[in-house]
Amino acid sequence: QAAAADMYLKAKKWDKAIMLIGKNEWKDKLVEVMRTLEKTDVKALQACAAHFARWGSLQHAKETFNKLGDHAALMALHIESEKWDDAFAMLRQHPQYGDKVYLPYARWLAEN
């Protein structure tokens, strides 16, 4: 399967390559792919971010969302992973996400 993934990468068939890499959980390989992709490869970058988030590789998911400029997805990642310091730091720059942060944070406080 590694050979197939490499073949798809050489052919720039990002969707198939990322699917194989993700299925086999080749994290280092996916990081390489994500860093080679252009900002315009939105679907491929979103697929990478989804795998990183699923694997708990939050730093790589964050890097991917930043590359995409997807602030909403990045904020959702901070909230889902309960990285409240990151969420509130981002909220200072993007106050439009206040509604998305305060209620989950209040729930988290009540439960913890």
PDB file of N, CA and C in Angstrom:
ATOM      1  N   GLN A   1       0.808  -1.196   0.000  1.00  0.00           N
ATOM      2  CA  GLN A   1       0.000   0.000   0.000  1.00  0.00           C
ATOM      3  C   GLN A   1       0.852   1.260   0.000  1.00  0.00           C
ATOM      4  N   ALA A   2       2.051   1.169   0.556  1.00  0.00           N
ATOM      5  CA  ALA A   2       2.945   2.333   0.557  1.00  0.00           C
ATOM      6  C   ALA A   2       3.323   2.705  -0.873  1.00  0.00           C
ATOM      7  N   ALA A   3       3.561   1.685  -1.699  1.00  0.00           N
ATOM      8  CA  ALA A   3       3.905   1.938  -3.102  1.00  0.00           C
ATOM      9  C   ALA A   3       2.737   2.602  -3.830  1.00  0.00           C
ATOM     10  N   ALA A   4       1.539   2.152  -3.535  1.00  0.00           N
ATOM     11  CA  ALA A   4       0.344   2.739  -4.159  1.00  0.00           C
ATOM     12  C   ALA A   4       0.192   4.193  -3.734  1.00  0.00           C
ATOM     13  N   ALA A   5       0.407   4.469  -2.462  1.00  0.00           N
ATOM     14  CA  ALA A   5       0.306   5.848  -1.969  1.00  0.00           C
ATOM     15  C   ALA A   5       1.335   6.736  -2.662  1.00  0.00           C
ATOM     16  N   ASP A   6       2.562   6.233  -2.799  1.00  0.00           N
ATOM     17  CA  ASP A   6       3.609   7.003  -3.482  1.00  0.00           C
ATOM     18  C   ASP A   6       3.250   7.248  -4.941  1.00  0.00           C
ATOM     19  N   MET A   7       2.663   6.252  -5.570  1.00  0.00           N
ATOM     20  CA  MET A   7       2.251   6.401  -6.966  1.00  0.00           C
ATOM     21  C   MET A   7       1.181   7.491  -7.084  1.00  0.00           C
ATOM     22  N   TYR A   8       0.209   7.481  -6.185  1.00  0.00           N
ATOM     23  CA  TYR A   8      -0.837   8.503  -6.204  1.00  0.00           C
ATOM     24  C   TYR A   8      -0.242   9.894  -5.948  1.00  0.00           C
ATOM     25  N   LEU A   9       0.735   9.959  -5.048  1.00  0.00           N
ATOM     26  CA  LEU A   9       1.368  11.248  -4.759  1.00  0.00           C
ATOM     27  C   LEU A   9       2.096  11.783  -5.988  1.00  0.00           C
ATOM     28  N   LYS A  10       2.832  10.919  -6.662  1.00  0.00           N
ATOM     29  CA  LYS A  10       3.563  11.344  -7.866  1.00  0.00           C
ATOM     30  C   LYS A  10       2.605  11.816  -8.949  1.00  0.00           C
ATOM     31  N   ALA A  11       1.432  11.181  -9.011  1.00  0.00           N
ATOM     32  CA  ALA A  11       0.424  11.551 -10.010  1.00  0.00           C
ATOM     33  C   ALA A  11      -0.436  12.733  -9.534  1.00  0.00           C
ATOM     34  N   LYS A  12      -0.156  13.213  -8.322  1.00  0.00           N
ATOM     35  CA  LYS A  12      -0.921  14.310  -7.712  1.00  0.00           C
ATOM     36  C   LYS A  12      -2.402  13.975  -7.558  1.00  0.00           C
ATOM     37  N   LYS A  13      -2.660  12.713  -7.292  1.00  0.00           N
ATOM     38  CA  LYS A  13      -4.010  12.244  -6.969  1.00  0.00           C
ATOM     39  C   LYS A  13      -4.135  12.319  -5.441  1.00  0.00           C
ATOM     40  N   TRP A  14      -4.234  13.552  -4.963  1.00  0.00           N
ATOM     41  CA  TRP A  14      -4.158  13.807  -3.525  1.00  0.00           C
ATOM     42  C   TRP A  14      -5.211  13.043  -2.737  1.00  0.00           C
ATOM     43  N   ASP A  15      -6.452  13.025  -3.238  1.00  0.00           N
ATOM     44  CA  ASP A  15      -7.533  12.390  -2.488  1.00  0.00           C
ATOM     45  C   ASP A  15      -7.254  10.920  -2.229  1.00  0.00           C
ATOM     46  N   LYS A  16      -6.803  10.208  -3.257  1.00  0.00           N
ATOM     47  CA  LYS A  16      -6.533   8.767  -3.098  1.00  0.00           C
ATOM     48  C   LYS A  16      -5.316   8.533  -2.207  1.00  0.00           C
ATOM     49  N   ALA A  17      -4.286   9.353  -2.390  1.00  0.00           N
ATOM     50  CA  ALA A  17      -3.069   9.215  -1.577  1.00  0.00           C
ATOM     51  C   ALA A  17      -3.386   9.473  -0.105  1.00  0.00           C
ATOM     52  N   ILE A  18      -4.113  10.543   0.164  1.00  0.00           N
ATOM     53  CA  ILE A  18      -4.445  10.900   1.552  1.00  0.00           C
ATOM     54  C   ILE A  18      -5.340   9.844   2.185  1.00  0.00           C
ATOM     55  N   MET A  19      -6.253   9.292   1.400  1.00  0.00           N
ATOM     56  CA  MET A  19      -7.124   8.239   1.913  1.00  0.00           C
ATOM     57  C   MET A  19      -6.285   7.029   2.354  1.00  0.00           C
ATOM     58  N   LEU A  20      -5.349   6.609   1.513  1.00  0.00           N
ATOM     59  CA  LEU A  20      -4.488   5.464   1.849  1.00  0.00           C
ATOM     60  C   LEU A  20      -3.592   5.762   3.042  1.00  0.00           C
ATOM     61  N   ILE A  21      -2.997   6.937   3.032  1.00  0.00           N
ATOM     62  CA  ILE A  21      -2.099   7.324   4.124  1.00  0.00           C
ATOM     63  C   ILE A  21      -2.873   7.379   5.436  1.00  0.00           C
ATOM     64  N   GLY A  22      -4.063   7.962   5.383  1.00  0.00           N
ATOM     65  CA  GLY A  22      -4.888   8.051   6.585  1.00  0.00           C
ATOM     66  C   GLY A  22      -5.343   6.700   7.089  1.00  0.00           C
ATOM     67  N   LYS A  23      -5.738   5.841   6.162  1.00  0.00           N
ATOM     68  CA  LYS A  23      -6.198   4.491   6.521  1.00  0.00           C
ATOM     69  C   LYS A  23      -5.091   3.714   7.242  1.00  0.00           C
ATOM     70  N   ASN A  24      -3.856   3.927   6.803  1.00  0.00           N
ATOM     71  CA  ASN A  24      -2.724   3.208   7.395  1.00  0.00           C
ATOM     72  C   ASN A  24      -2.053   3.968   8.541  1.00  0.00           C
ATOM     73  N   GLU A  25      -2.588   5.156   8.830  1.00  0.00           N
ATOM     74  CA  GLU A  25      -2.085   5.988   9.930  1.00  0.00           C
ATOM     75  C   GLU A  25      -0.593   6.282   9.821  1.00  0.00           C
ATOM     76  N   TRP A  26      -0.156   6.646   8.613  1.00  0.00           N
ATOM     77  CA  TRP A  26       1.235   7.044   8.389  1.00  0.00           C
ATOM     78  C   TRP A  26       1.336   8.546   8.635  1.00  0.00           C
ATOM     79  N   LYS A  27       1.467   8.896   9.906  1.00  0.00           N
ATOM     80  CA  LYS A  27       1.404  10.296  10.312  1.00  0.00           C
ATOM     81  C   LYS A  27       2.509  11.140   9.695  1.00  0.00           C
ATOM     82  N   ASP A  28       3.739  10.648   9.741  1.00  0.00           N
ATOM     83  CA  ASP A  28       4.857  11.427   9.204  1.00  0.00           C
ATOM     84  C   ASP A  28       4.683  11.683   7.707  1.00  0.00           C
ATOM     85  N   LYS A  29       4.192  10.690   7.009  1.00  0.00           N
ATOM     86  CA  LYS A  29       3.955  10.822   5.569  1.00  0.00           C
ATOM     87  C   LYS A  29       2.884  11.878   5.305  1.00  0.00           C
ATOM     88  N   LEU A  30       1.836  11.864   6.127  1.00  0.00           N
ATOM     89  CA  LEU A  30       0.762  12.837   5.926  1.00  0.00           C
ATOM     90  C   LEU A  30       1.240  14.256   6.220  1.00  0.00           C
ATOM     91  N   VAL A  31       2.114  14.405   7.188  1.00  0.00           N
ATOM     92  CA  VAL A  31       2.690  15.732   7.476  1.00  0.00           C
ATOM     93  C   VAL A  31       3.451  16.232   6.251  1.00  0.00           C
ATOM     94  N   GLU A  32       4.244  15.364   5.641  1.00  0.00           N
ATOM     95  CA  GLU A  32       4.982  15.732   4.422  1.00  0.00           C
ATOM     96  C   GLU A  32       4.028  16.184   3.319  1.00  0.00           C
ATOM     97  N   VAL A  33       2.969  15.403   3.122  1.00  0.00           N
ATOM     98  CA  VAL A  33       1.996  15.717   2.071  1.00  0.00           C
ATOM     99  C   VAL A  33       1.344  17.062   2.361  1.00  0.00           C
ATOM    100  N   MET A  34       0.887  17.249   3.598  1.00  0.00           N
ATOM    101  CA  MET A  34       0.212  18.491   3.971  1.00  0.00           C
ATOM    102  C   MET A  34       1.110  19.697   3.706  1.00  0.00           C
ATOM    103  N   ARG A  35       2.382  19.566   4.020  1.00  0.00           N
ATOM    104  CA  ARG A  35       3.301  20.692   3.845  1.00  0.00           C
ATOM    105  C   ARG A  35       3.650  20.948   2.385  1.00  0.00           C
ATOM    106  N   THR A  36       3.455  19.956   1.525  1.00  0.00           N
ATOM    107  CA  THR A  36       3.708  20.157   0.090  1.00  0.00           C
ATOM    108  C   THR A  36       2.512  20.748  -0.637  1.00  0.00           C
ATOM    109  N   LEU A  37       1.325  20.540  -0.082  1.00  0.00           N
ATOM    110  CA  LEU A  37       0.117  21.020  -0.730  1.00  0.00           C
ATOM    111  C   LEU A  37       0.055  22.550  -0.734  1.00  0.00           C
ATOM    112  N   GLU A  38      -0.581  23.079  -1.760  1.00  0.00           N
ATOM    113  CA  GLU A  38      -0.813  24.516  -1.861  1.00  0.00           C
ATOM    114  C   GLU A  38      -2.086  24.878  -1.098  1.00  0.00           C
ATOM    115  N   LYS A  39      -2.213  26.139  -0.729  1.00  0.00           N
ATOM    116  CA  LYS A  39      -3.425  26.613  -0.048  1.00  0.00           C
ATOM    117  C   LYS A  39      -4.680  26.349  -0.867  1.00  0.00           C
ATOM    118  N   THR A  40      -4.511  26.308  -2.170  1.00  0.00           N
ATOM    119  CA  THR A  40      -5.656  26.111  -3.063  1.00  0.00           C
ATOM    120  C   THR A  40      -6.137  24.660  -3.105  1.00  0.00           C
ATOM    121  N   ASP A  41      -5.364  23.731  -2.540  1.00  0.00           N
ATOM    122  CA  ASP A  41      -5.752  22.321  -2.485  1.00  0.00           C
ATOM    123  C   ASP A  41      -6.651  22.097  -1.268  1.00  0.00           C
ATOM    124  N   VAL A  42      -7.756  22.815  -1.248  1.00  0.00           N
ATOM    125  CA  VAL A  42      -8.613  22.885  -0.071  1.00  0.00           C
ATOM    126  C   VAL A  42      -9.129  21.511   0.372  1.00  0.00           C
ATOM    127  N   LYS A  43      -9.697  20.741  -0.552  1.00  0.00           N
ATOM    128  CA  LYS A  43     -10.261  19.440  -0.173  1.00  0.00           C
ATOM    129  C   LYS A  43      -9.191  18.523   0.407  1.00  0.00           C
ATOM    130  N   ALA A  44      -8.021  18.519  -0.211  1.00  0.00           N
ATOM    131  CA  ALA A  44      -6.934  17.658   0.265  1.00  0.00           C
ATOM    132  C   ALA A  44      -6.463  18.106   1.648  1.00  0.00           C
ATOM    133  N   LEU A  45      -6.332  19.401   1.849  1.00  0.00           N
ATOM    134  CA  LEU A  45      -5.908  19.906   3.160  1.00  0.00           C
ATOM    135  C   LEU A  45      -6.961  19.617   4.226  1.00  0.00           C
ATOM    136  N   GLN A  46      -8.226  19.741   3.873  1.00  0.00           N
ATOM    137  CA  GLN A  46      -9.285  19.420   4.826  1.00  0.00           C
ATOM    138  C   GLN A  46      -9.247  17.945   5.214  1.00  0.00           C
ATOM    139  N   ALA A  47      -8.952  17.085   4.240  1.00  0.00           N
ATOM    140  CA  ALA A  47      -8.840  15.652   4.528  1.00  0.00           C
ATOM    141  C   ALA A  47      -7.656  15.391   5.467  1.00  0.00           C
ATOM    142  N   CYS A  48      -6.551  16.072   5.223  1.00  0.00           N
ATOM    143  CA  CYS A  48      -5.387  15.937   6.110  1.00  0.00           C
ATOM    144  C   CYS A  48      -5.749  16.359   7.526  1.00  0.00           C
ATOM    145  N   ALA A  49      -6.390  17.521   7.648  1.00  0.00           N
ATOM    146  CA  ALA A  49      -6.764  18.038   8.969  1.00  0.00           C
ATOM    147  C   ALA A  49      -7.691  17.064   9.692  1.00  0.00           C
ATOM    148  N   ALA A  50      -8.613  16.462   8.968  1.00  0.00           N
ATOM    149  CA  ALA A  50      -9.536  15.504   9.586  1.00  0.00           C
ATOM    150  C   ALA A  50      -8.781  14.299  10.146  1.00  0.00           C
ATOM    151  N   HIS A  51      -7.804  13.801   9.397  1.00  0.00           N
ATOM    152  CA  HIS A  51      -7.002  12.672   9.901  1.00  0.00           C
ATOM    153  C   HIS A  51      -6.201  13.092  11.126  1.00  0.00           C
ATOM    154  N   PHE A  52      -5.561  14.256  11.058  1.00  0.00           N
ATOM    155  CA  PHE A  52      -4.771  14.719  12.204  1.00  0.00           C
ATOM    156  C   PHE A  52      -5.640  14.848  13.449  1.00  0.00           C
ATOM    157  N   ALA A  53      -6.810  15.428  13.287  1.00  0.00           N
ATOM    158  CA  ALA A  53      -7.714  15.606  14.428  1.00  0.00           C
ATOM    159  C   ALA A  53      -8.152  14.245  14.975  1.00  0.00           C
ATOM    160  N   ARG A  54      -8.463  13.325  14.083  1.00  0.00           N
ATOM    161  CA  ARG A  54      -8.894  11.979  14.499  1.00  0.00           C
ATOM    162  C   ARG A  54      -7.784  11.266  15.269  1.00  0.00           C
ATOM    163  N   TRP A  55      -6.555  11.489  14.853  1.00  0.00           N
ATOM    164  CA  TRP A  55      -5.410  10.855  15.515  1.00  0.00           C
ATOM    165  C   TRP A  55      -4.994  11.579  16.793  1.00  0.00           C
ATOM    166  N   GLY A  56      -5.579  12.742  17.047  1.00  0.00           N
ATOM    167  CA  GLY A  56      -5.167  13.521  18.212  1.00  0.00           C
ATOM    168  C   GLY A  56      -3.891  14.298  17.978  1.00  0.00           C
ATOM    169  N   SER A  57      -3.513  14.433  16.731  1.00  0.00           N
ATOM    170  CA  SER A  57      -2.307  15.193  16.366  1.00  0.00           C
ATOM    171  C   SER A  57      -2.714  16.661  16.165  1.00  0.00           C
ATOM    172  N   LEU A  58      -3.009  17.304  17.292  1.00  0.00           N
ATOM    173  CA  LEU A  58      -3.619  18.628  17.260  1.00  0.00           C
ATOM    174  C   LEU A  58      -2.706  19.688  16.657  1.00  0.00           C
ATOM    175  N   GLN A  59      -1.417  19.588  16.904  1.00  0.00           N
ATOM    176  CA  GLN A  59      -0.490  20.587  16.355  1.00  0.00           C
ATOM    177  C   GLN A  59      -0.510  20.553  14.827  1.00  0.00           C
ATOM    178  N   HIS A  60      -0.560  19.370  14.247  1.00  0.00           N
ATOM    179  CA  HIS A  60      -0.598  19.263  12.784  1.00  0.00           C
ATOM    180  C   HIS A  60      -1.958  19.688  12.225  1.00  0.00           C
ATOM    181  N   ALA A  61      -3.024  19.378  12.954  1.00  0.00           N
ATOM    182  CA  ALA A  61      -4.344  19.844  12.527  1.00  0.00           C
ATOM    183  C   ALA A  61      -4.381  21.365  12.552  1.00  0.00           C
ATOM    184  N   LYS A  62      -3.813  21.939  13.604  1.00  0.00           N
ATOM    185  CA  LYS A  62      -3.760  23.403  13.736  1.00  0.00           C
ATOM    186  C   LYS A  62      -2.957  24.012  12.586  1.00  0.00           C
ATOM    187  N   GLU A  63      -1.819  23.416  12.280  1.00  0.00           N
ATOM    188  CA  GLU A  63      -0.983  23.891  11.172  1.00  0.00           C
ATOM    189  C   GLU A  63      -1.754  23.852   9.847  1.00  0.00           C
ATOM    190  N   THR A  64      -2.518  22.790   9.662  1.00  0.00           N
ATOM    191  CA  THR A  64      -3.293  22.637   8.430  1.00  0.00           C
ATOM    192  C   THR A  64      -4.398  23.690   8.338  1.00  0.00           C
ATOM    193  N   PHE A  65      -5.132  23.886   9.431  1.00  0.00           N
ATOM    194  CA  PHE A  65      -6.197  24.891   9.412  1.00  0.00           C
ATOM    195  C   PHE A  65      -5.629  26.299   9.218  1.00  0.00           C
ATOM    196  N   ASN A  66      -4.469  26.555   9.807  1.00  0.00           N
ATOM    197  CA  ASN A  66      -3.826  27.859   9.589  1.00  0.00           C
ATOM    198  C   ASN A  66      -3.437  28.038   8.129  1.00  0.00           C
ATOM    199  N   LYS A  67      -2.938  26.987   7.525  1.00  0.00           N
ATOM    200  CA  LYS A  67      -2.568  27.050   6.107  1.00  0.00           C
ATOM    201  C   LYS A  67      -3.791  27.366   5.249  1.00  0.00           C
ATOM    202  N   LEU A  68      -4.920  26.780   5.619  1.00  0.00           N
ATOM    203  CA  LEU A  68      -6.167  27.015   4.897  1.00  0.00           C
ATOM    204  C   LEU A  68      -6.774  28.383   5.216  1.00  0.00           C
ATOM    205  N   GLY A  69      -6.361  28.963   6.332  1.00  0.00           N
ATOM    206  CA  GLY A  69      -6.999  30.195   6.781  1.00  0.00           C
ATOM    207  C   GLY A  69      -8.406  29.934   7.300  1.00  0.00           C
ATOM    208  N   ASP A  70      -8.654  28.719   7.764  1.00  0.00           N
ATOM    209  CA  ASP A  70      -9.975  28.314   8.228  1.00  0.00           C
ATOM    210  C   ASP A  70     -10.083  28.545   9.732  1.00  0.00           C
ATOM    211  N   HIS A  71     -10.423  29.775  10.104  1.00  0.00           N
ATOM    212  CA  HIS A  71     -10.488  30.145  11.515  1.00  0.00           C
ATOM    213  C   HIS A  71     -11.608  29.420  12.252  1.00  0.00           C
ATOM    214  N   ALA A  72     -12.724  29.207  11.576  1.00  0.00           N
ATOM    215  CA  ALA A  72     -13.854  28.520  12.218  1.00  0.00           C
ATOM    216  C   ALA A  72     -13.476  27.085  12.598  1.00  0.00           C
ATOM    217  N   ALA A  73     -12.814  26.385  11.682  1.00  0.00           N
ATOM    218  CA  ALA A  73     -12.402  25.001  11.966  1.00  0.00           C
ATOM    219  C   ALA A  73     -11.337  24.970  13.059  1.00  0.00           C
ATOM    220  N   LEU A  74     -10.446  25.945  13.043  1.00  0.00           N
ATOM    221  CA  LEU A  74      -9.410  26.010  14.071  1.00  0.00           C
ATOM    222  C   LEU A  74     -10.038  26.257  15.444  1.00  0.00           C
ATOM    223  N   MET A  75     -11.004  27.159  15.486  1.00  0.00           N
ATOM    224  CA  MET A  75     -11.690  27.422  16.757  1.00  0.00           C
ATOM    225  C   MET A  75     -12.416  26.166  17.227  1.00  0.00           C
ATOM    226  N   ALA A  76     -13.087  25.472  16.323  1.00  0.00           N
ATOM    227  CA  ALA A  76     -13.781  24.231  16.683  1.00  0.00           C
ATOM    228  C   ALA A  76     -12.794  23.201  17.234  1.00  0.00           C
ATOM    229  N   LEU A  77     -11.608  23.129  16.647  1.00  0.00           N
ATOM    230  CA  LEU A  77     -10.576  22.200  17.130  1.00  0.00           C
ATOM    231  C   LEU A  77     -10.170  22.544  18.565  1.00  0.00           C
ATOM    232  N   HIS A  78      -9.954  23.829  18.829  1.00  0.00           N
ATOM    233  CA  HIS A  78      -9.596  24.254  20.195  1.00  0.00           C
ATOM    234  C   HIS A  78     -10.685  23.875  21.193  1.00  0.00           C
ATOM    235  N   ILE A  79     -11.933  24.090  20.787  1.00  0.00           N
ATOM    236  CA  ILE A  79     -13.056  23.810  21.687  1.00  0.00           C
ATOM    237  C   ILE A  79     -13.211  22.306  21.912  1.00  0.00           C
ATOM    238  N   GLU A  80     -13.194  21.528  20.830  1.00  0.00           N
ATOM    239  CA  GLU A  80     -13.360  20.072  20.958  1.00  0.00           C
ATOM    240  C   GLU A  80     -12.249  19.440  21.784  1.00  0.00           C
ATOM    241  N   SER A  81     -11.040  19.996  21.678  1.00  0.00           N
ATOM    242  CA  SER A  81      -9.917  19.435  22.425  1.00  0.00           C
ATOM    243  C   SER A  81      -9.741  20.105  23.787  1.00  0.00           C
ATOM    244  N   GLU A  82     -10.679  21.010  24.116  1.00  0.00           N
ATOM    245  CA  GLU A  82     -10.685  21.724  25.393  1.00  0.00           C
ATOM    246  C   GLU A  82      -9.380  22.478  25.639  1.00  0.00           C
ATOM    247  N   LYS A  83      -8.864  23.062  24.585  1.00  0.00           N
ATOM    248  CA  LYS A  83      -7.674  23.922  24.671  1.00  0.00           C
ATOM    249  C   LYS A  83      -8.169  25.352  24.853  1.00  0.00           C
ATOM    250  N   TRP A  84      -8.641  25.641  26.068  1.00  0.00           N
ATOM    251  CA  TRP A  84      -9.326  26.901  26.330  1.00  0.00           C
ATOM    252  C   TRP A  84      -8.405  28.105  26.204  1.00  0.00           C
ATOM    253  N   ASP A  85      -7.139  27.970  26.609  1.00  0.00           N
ATOM    254  CA  ASP A  85      -6.208  29.101  26.459  1.00  0.00           C
ATOM    255  C   ASP A  85      -6.067  29.477  24.988  1.00  0.00           C
ATOM    256  N   ASP A  86      -5.944  28.472  24.126  1.00  0.00           N
ATOM    257  CA  ASP A  86      -5.842  28.726  22.690  1.00  0.00           C
ATOM    258  C   ASP A  86      -7.129  29.329  22.143  1.00  0.00           C
ATOM    259  N   ALA A  87      -8.262  28.812  22.608  1.00  0.00           N
ATOM    260  CA  ALA A  87      -9.551  29.322  22.137  1.00  0.00           C
ATOM    261  C   ALA A  87      -9.727  30.793  22.507  1.00  0.00           C
ATOM    262  N   PHE A  88      -9.384  31.137  23.754  1.00  0.00           N
ATOM    263  CA  PHE A  88      -9.564  32.527  24.179  1.00  0.00           C
ATOM    264  C   PHE A  88      -8.525  33.454  23.546  1.00  0.00           C
ATOM    265  N   ALA A  89      -7.330  32.949  23.289  1.00  0.00           N
ATOM    266  CA  ALA A  89      -6.328  33.757  22.580  1.00  0.00           C
ATOM    267  C   ALA A  89      -6.823  34.059  21.166  1.00  0.00           C
ATOM    268  N   MET A  90      -7.376  33.065  20.526  1.00  0.00           N
ATOM    269  CA  MET A  90      -7.912  33.260  19.176  1.00  0.00           C
ATOM    270  C   MET A  90      -9.135  34.173  19.199  1.00  0.00           C
ATOM    271  N   LEU A  91      -9.928  34.063  20.254  1.00  0.00           N
ATOM    272  CA  LEU A  91     -11.130  34.881  20.384  1.00  0.00           C
ATOM    273  C   LEU A  91     -10.783  36.371  20.444  1.00  0.00           C
ATOM    274  N   ARG A  92      -9.645  36.705  21.024  1.00  0.00           N
ATOM    275  CA  ARG A  92      -9.222  38.112  21.067  1.00  0.00           C
ATOM    276  C   ARG A  92      -9.018  38.672  19.657  1.00  0.00           C
ATOM    277  N   GLN A  93      -8.557  37.829  18.743  1.00  0.00           N
ATOM    278  CA  GLN A  93      -8.339  38.258  17.356  1.00  0.00           C
ATOM    279  C   GLN A  93      -9.601  38.114  16.504  1.00  0.00           C
ATOM    280  N   HIS A  94     -10.473  37.207  16.907  1.00  0.00           N
ATOM    281  CA  HIS A  94     -11.685  36.908  16.123  1.00  0.00           C
ATOM    282  C   HIS A  94     -12.898  36.877  17.046  1.00  0.00           C
ATOM    283  N   PRO A  95     -13.327  38.054  17.510  1.00  0.00           N
ATOM    284  CA  PRO A  95     -14.435  38.089  18.487  1.00  0.00           C
ATOM    285  C   PRO A  95     -15.753  37.548  17.963  1.00  0.00           C
ATOM    286  N   GLN A  96     -15.875  37.375  16.674  1.00  0.00           N
ATOM    287  CA  GLN A  96     -17.129  36.848  16.103  1.00  0.00           C
ATOM    288  C   GLN A  96     -17.400  35.407  16.543  1.00  0.00           C
ATOM    289  N   TYR A  97     -16.405  34.727  17.119  1.00  0.00           N
ATOM    290  CA  TYR A  97     -16.595  33.340  17.553  1.00  0.00           C
ATOM    291  C   TYR A  97     -16.978  33.230  19.027  1.00  0.00           C
ATOM    292  N   GLY A  98     -17.295  34.352  19.652  1.00  0.00           N
ATOM    293  CA  GLY A  98     -17.645  34.351  21.073  1.00  0.00           C
ATOM    294  C   GLY A  98     -18.745  33.376  21.415  1.00  0.00           C
ATOM    295  N   ASP A  99     -19.808  33.350  20.598  1.00  0.00           N
ATOM    296  CA  ASP A  99     -20.929  32.449  20.853  1.00  0.00           C
ATOM    297  C   ASP A  99     -20.508  30.990  20.832  1.00  0.00           C
ATOM    298  N   LYS A 100     -19.512  30.681  20.042  1.00  0.00           N
ATOM    299  CA  LYS A 100     -19.060  29.290  19.905  1.00  0.00           C
ATOM    300  C   LYS A 100     -18.169  28.865  21.069  1.00  0.00           C
ATOM    301  N   VAL A 101     -17.604  29.843  21.797  1.00  0.00           N
ATOM    302  CA  VAL A 101     -16.647  29.534  22.859  1.00  0.00           C
ATOM    303  C   VAL A 101     -17.283  29.542  24.246  1.00  0.00           C
ATOM    304  N   TYR A 102     -18.067  30.567  24.541  1.00  0.00           N
ATOM    305  CA  TYR A 102     -18.517  30.768  25.917  1.00  0.00           C
ATOM    306  C   TYR A 102     -19.394  29.643  26.463  1.00  0.00           C
ATOM    307  N   LEU A 103     -20.341  29.172  25.697  1.00  0.00           N
ATOM    308  CA  LEU A 103     -21.230  28.122  26.193  1.00  0.00           C
ATOM    309  C   LEU A 103     -20.484  26.802  26.439  1.00  0.00           C
ATOM    310  N   PRO A 104     -19.675  26.316  25.472  1.00  0.00           N
ATOM    311  CA  PRO A 104     -18.920  25.084  25.774  1.00  0.00           C
ATOM    312  C   PRO A 104     -17.955  25.256  26.941  1.00  0.00           C
ATOM    313  N   TYR A 105     -17.380  26.450  27.077  1.00  0.00           N
ATOM    314  CA  TYR A 105     -16.466  26.690  28.184  1.00  0.00           C
ATOM    315  C   TYR A 105     -17.236  26.668  29.517  1.00  0.00           C
ATOM    316  N   ALA A 106     -18.420  27.258  29.541  1.00  0.00           N
ATOM    317  CA  ALA A 106     -19.242  27.241  30.750  1.00  0.00           C
ATOM    318  C   ALA A 106     -19.624  25.819  31.132  1.00  0.00           C
ATOM    319  N   ARG A 107     -19.984  25.012  30.110  1.00  0.00           N
ATOM    320  CA  ARG A 107     -20.292  23.592  30.383  1.00  0.00           C
ATOM    321  C   ARG A 107     -19.087  22.875  30.963  1.00  0.00           C
ATOM    322  N   TRP A 108     -17.933  23.129  30.363  1.00  0.00           N
ATOM    323  CA  TRP A 108     -16.697  22.490  30.816  1.00  0.00           C
ATOM    324  C   TRP A 108     -16.399  22.876  32.260  1.00  0.00           C
ATOM    325  N   LEU A 109     -16.565  24.170  32.576  1.00  0.00           N
ATOM    326  CA  LEU A 109     -16.339  24.623  33.953  1.00  0.00           C
ATOM    327  C   LEU A 109     -17.282  23.941  34.921  1.00  0.00           C
ATOM    328  N   ALA A 110     -18.540  23.820  34.519  1.00  0.00           N
ATOM    329  CA  ALA A 110     -19.543  23.202  35.396  1.00  0.00           C
ATOM    330  C   ALA A 110     -19.242  21.726  35.648  1.00  0.00           C
ATOM    331  N   GLU A 111     -18.694  21.059  34.637  1.00  0.00           N
ATOM    332  CA  GLU A 111     -18.400  19.620  34.762  1.00  0.00           C
ATOM    333  C   GLU A 111     -17.067  19.339  35.426  1.00  0.00           C
ATOM    334  N   ASN A 112     -16.186  20.339  35.421  1.00  0.00           N
ATOM    335  CA  ASN A 112     -14.837  20.108  35.980  1.00  0.00           C
ATOM    336  C   ASN A 112     -14.687  20.964  37.188  1.00  0.00           C
TER     337      ASN A 112
END
